[in-house]
Protein backbone atom coordinates (compact mmCIF):
# COMPACT_ATOMS: atom_id res chain seq x y z
CA UNK A 1 73.70 0.66 -19.56
CA UNK A 2 71.59 3.21 -21.34
CA UNK A 3 69.36 0.39 -22.55
CA UNK A 4 68.84 -0.76 -18.98
CA UNK A 5 67.92 2.76 -17.94
CA UNK A 6 65.45 3.12 -20.80
CA UNK A 7 64.00 -0.33 -20.04
CA UNK A 8 63.63 0.66 -16.38
CA UNK A 9 61.86 3.91 -17.24
CA UNK A 10 59.56 2.15 -19.71
CA UNK A 11 58.82 -0.62 -17.19
CA UNK A 12 58.00 1.94 -14.51
CA UNK A 13 55.68 3.79 -16.91
CA UNK A 14 53.96 0.57 -17.95
CA UNK A 15 53.46 -0.45 -14.30
CA UNK A 16 52.19 3.02 -13.39
CA UNK A 17 49.82 2.95 -16.35
CA UNK A 18 48.46 -0.47 -15.32
CA UNK A 19 47.98 0.71 -11.72
CA UNK A 20 46.15 3.81 -12.98
CA UNK A 21 43.95 1.67 -15.24
CA UNK A 22 43.08 -0.63 -12.31
CA UNK A 23 42.38 2.35 -10.04
CA UNK A 24 40.17 3.91 -12.70
CA UNK A 25 38.32 0.58 -13.18
CA UNK A 26 37.73 0.29 -9.38
CA UNK A 27 36.39 3.85 -9.28
CA UNK A 28 34.08 3.09 -12.20
CA UNK A 29 32.82 -0.05 -10.47
CA UNK A 30 32.22 1.90 -7.23
CA UNK A 31 30.42 4.62 -9.15
CA UNK A 32 28.25 2.04 -10.97
CA UNK A 33 27.42 0.35 -7.67
CA UNK A 34 26.55 3.69 -6.04
CA UNK A 35 24.35 4.58 -9.03
CA UNK A 36 22.56 1.20 -8.82
CA UNK A 37 21.97 1.65 -5.07
CA UNK A 38 20.64 5.17 -5.61
CA UNK A 39 18.25 3.94 -8.33
CA UNK A 40 17.10 1.07 -6.11
CA UNK A 41 16.54 3.44 -3.17
CA UNK A 42 14.58 5.84 -5.40
CA UNK A 43 12.44 2.95 -6.68
CA UNK A 44 11.77 1.71 -3.14
CA UNK A 45 10.88 5.21 -1.93
CA UNK A 46 8.54 5.74 -4.89
CA UNK A 47 6.90 2.35 -4.30
CA UNK A 48 6.51 3.09 -0.59
CA UNK A 49 4.96 6.53 -1.25
CA UNK A 50 2.61 5.00 -3.84
CA UNK A 51 1.50 2.25 -1.45
CA UNK A 52 1.10 4.79 1.35
CA UNK A 53 -1.14 6.91 -0.87
CA UNK A 54 -3.18 3.92 -2.10
CA UNK A 55 -3.59 2.54 1.42
CA UNK A 56 -4.56 5.96 2.73
CA UNK A 57 -7.26 6.30 0.07
CA UNK A 58 -8.78 2.93 0.90
CA UNK A 59 -8.68 3.52 4.65
CA UNK A 60 -10.22 6.96 4.19
CA UNK A 61 -12.98 5.58 1.97
CA UNK A 62 -13.73 2.73 4.39
CA UNK A 63 -13.78 5.13 7.36
CA UNK A 64 -16.10 7.55 5.56
CA UNK A 65 -18.35 4.65 4.64
CA UNK A 66 -18.36 3.43 8.26
CA UNK A 67 -19.32 6.88 9.54
CA UNK A 68 -22.33 6.86 7.24
CA UNK A 69 -23.22 3.27 8.13
CA UNK A 70 -23.11 3.79 11.89
CA UNK A 71 -26.26 5.91 12.30
CA UNK A 72 -28.05 3.83 9.68
CA UNK A 73 -27.09 0.66 11.54
CA UNK A 74 -28.31 2.08 14.86
CA UNK A 75 -31.61 3.21 13.33
CA UNK A 76 -32.35 -0.08 11.60
CA UNK A 77 -31.10 -2.50 14.27
CA UNK A 78 -31.97 -0.69 17.50
CA UNK A 79 -35.08 1.23 16.50
CA UNK A 80 -36.33 -0.96 13.63
CA UNK A 81 -36.48 2.19 11.52
CA UNK A 82 -36.51 2.34 7.76
CA UNK A 83 -33.77 4.29 5.99
CA UNK A 84 -34.93 7.54 4.45
CA UNK A 85 -34.06 8.49 0.88
CA UNK A 86 -31.10 10.69 1.83
CA UNK A 87 -29.54 7.86 3.89
CA UNK A 88 -30.14 5.37 1.08
CA UNK A 89 -28.61 7.75 -1.49
CA UNK A 90 -25.56 8.43 0.72
CA UNK A 91 -24.90 4.73 1.34
CA UNK A 92 -25.29 3.91 -2.35
CA UNK A 93 -22.96 6.75 -3.30
CA UNK A 94 -20.29 5.74 -0.76
CA UNK A 95 -20.44 2.13 -1.91
CA UNK A 96 -19.92 3.29 -5.50
CA UNK A 97 -17.11 5.72 -4.56
CA UNK A 98 -15.21 2.88 -2.90
CA UNK A 99 -14.49 1.52 -6.36
CA UNK A 100 -12.34 4.57 -7.14
CA UNK A 101 -9.92 3.68 -4.35
CA UNK A 102 -9.53 0.04 -5.37
CA UNK A 103 -7.52 0.50 -8.58
CA UNK A 104 -4.25 1.66 -7.01
CA UNK A 105 -4.61 -0.97 -4.28
CA UNK A 106 -5.02 -3.78 -6.79
CA UNK A 107 -1.97 -2.50 -8.62
CA UNK A 108 0.38 -1.82 -5.71
CA UNK A 109 -0.60 -3.90 -2.68
CA UNK A 110 0.84 -7.25 -1.77
CA UNK A 111 -1.29 -10.39 -2.25
CA UNK A 112 -2.25 -10.66 1.43
CA UNK A 113 -3.26 -6.98 1.66
CA UNK A 114 -5.28 -7.26 -1.58
CA UNK A 115 -7.10 -10.31 -0.23
CA UNK A 116 -7.88 -8.59 3.08
CA UNK A 117 -9.05 -5.51 1.17
CA UNK A 118 -11.40 -7.67 -0.89
CA UNK A 119 -12.82 -9.22 2.29
CA UNK A 120 -13.23 -5.85 4.03
CA UNK A 121 -14.88 -4.15 1.06
CA UNK A 122 -17.17 -7.11 0.38
CA UNK A 123 -18.21 -7.32 4.04
CA UNK A 124 -19.04 -3.62 4.11
CA UNK A 125 -20.83 -3.84 0.73
CA UNK A 126 -22.87 -6.83 1.89
CA UNK A 127 -23.88 -5.01 5.06
CA UNK A 128 -24.81 -1.92 3.06
CA UNK A 129 -26.86 -4.03 0.63
CA UNK A 130 -28.71 -5.62 3.55
CA UNK A 131 -29.52 -2.20 5.00
CA UNK A 132 -30.70 -0.92 1.64
CA UNK A 133 -32.74 -4.04 0.89
CA UNK A 134 -34.46 -4.05 4.27
CA UNK A 135 -36.29 -6.95 5.85
CA UNK A 136 -33.10 -8.51 7.24
CA UNK A 137 -33.21 -9.78 10.83
CA UNK A 138 -31.40 -7.65 13.43
CA UNK A 139 -29.14 -10.52 14.53
CA UNK A 140 -28.04 -11.09 10.93
CA UNK A 141 -27.33 -7.36 10.53
CA UNK A 142 -25.29 -7.37 13.76
CA UNK A 143 -23.23 -10.31 12.46
CA UNK A 144 -22.62 -8.54 9.14
CA UNK A 145 -21.63 -5.32 10.93
CA UNK A 146 -19.20 -7.23 13.18
CA UNK A 147 -17.68 -8.95 10.13
CA UNK A 148 -17.24 -5.61 8.38
CA UNK A 149 -15.45 -4.21 11.44
CA UNK A 150 -13.28 -7.32 11.94
CA UNK A 151 -12.18 -7.46 8.30
CA UNK A 152 -11.46 -3.72 8.32
CA UNK A 153 -9.25 -4.07 11.42
CA UNK A 154 -7.39 -7.01 9.84
CA UNK A 155 -6.85 -4.97 6.66
CA UNK A 156 -5.62 -1.91 8.55
CA UNK A 157 -3.23 -4.08 10.59
CA UNK A 158 -1.81 -5.70 7.44
CA UNK A 159 -1.35 -2.30 5.82
CA UNK A 160 0.48 -0.94 8.85
CA UNK A 161 2.71 -4.01 8.88
CA UNK A 162 3.39 -3.69 5.14
CA UNK A 163 4.31 -0.01 5.57
CA UNK A 164 6.38 -0.81 8.69
CA UNK A 165 4.37 1.76 10.64
CA UNK A 166 4.37 -0.13 13.92
CA UNK A 167 7.99 -1.29 13.95
CA UNK A 168 9.93 -0.39 17.11
CA UNK A 169 12.85 1.93 16.60
């Protein structure tokens, strides 16, 4: 009888120990899963913030460039004026500064956003080159200006979509 009692106590302890081991294993698995989710969330948040910053830099640079191009465009197309040295220097400088914003975009943006960025920057650079070169027909300048605006709008739309800015709540 005593042997049965000892066997019962030992069996109960073994079963309790197994249950505790399984419970501990489940807790470890839950903890590992929670840790993986937290790391993934942190990575996604960091990637989002990085893209937001890169996109903001490019949009800001393109907007600044457009603000400088607008009066130059009006002067050359509407009044057939020639750009003065300060306008030429400003446009050249803004075109060169655009390159600083492109690195993070090329690193972080999706393929479609990078392609639209290339189109928008090239369109604006081509228009700027035409203004700086001079001697380009007004209708050709208007077409280049329109292309630079259209590609910019397409880029901005793709960026907003990529950042989920316009998603309904």
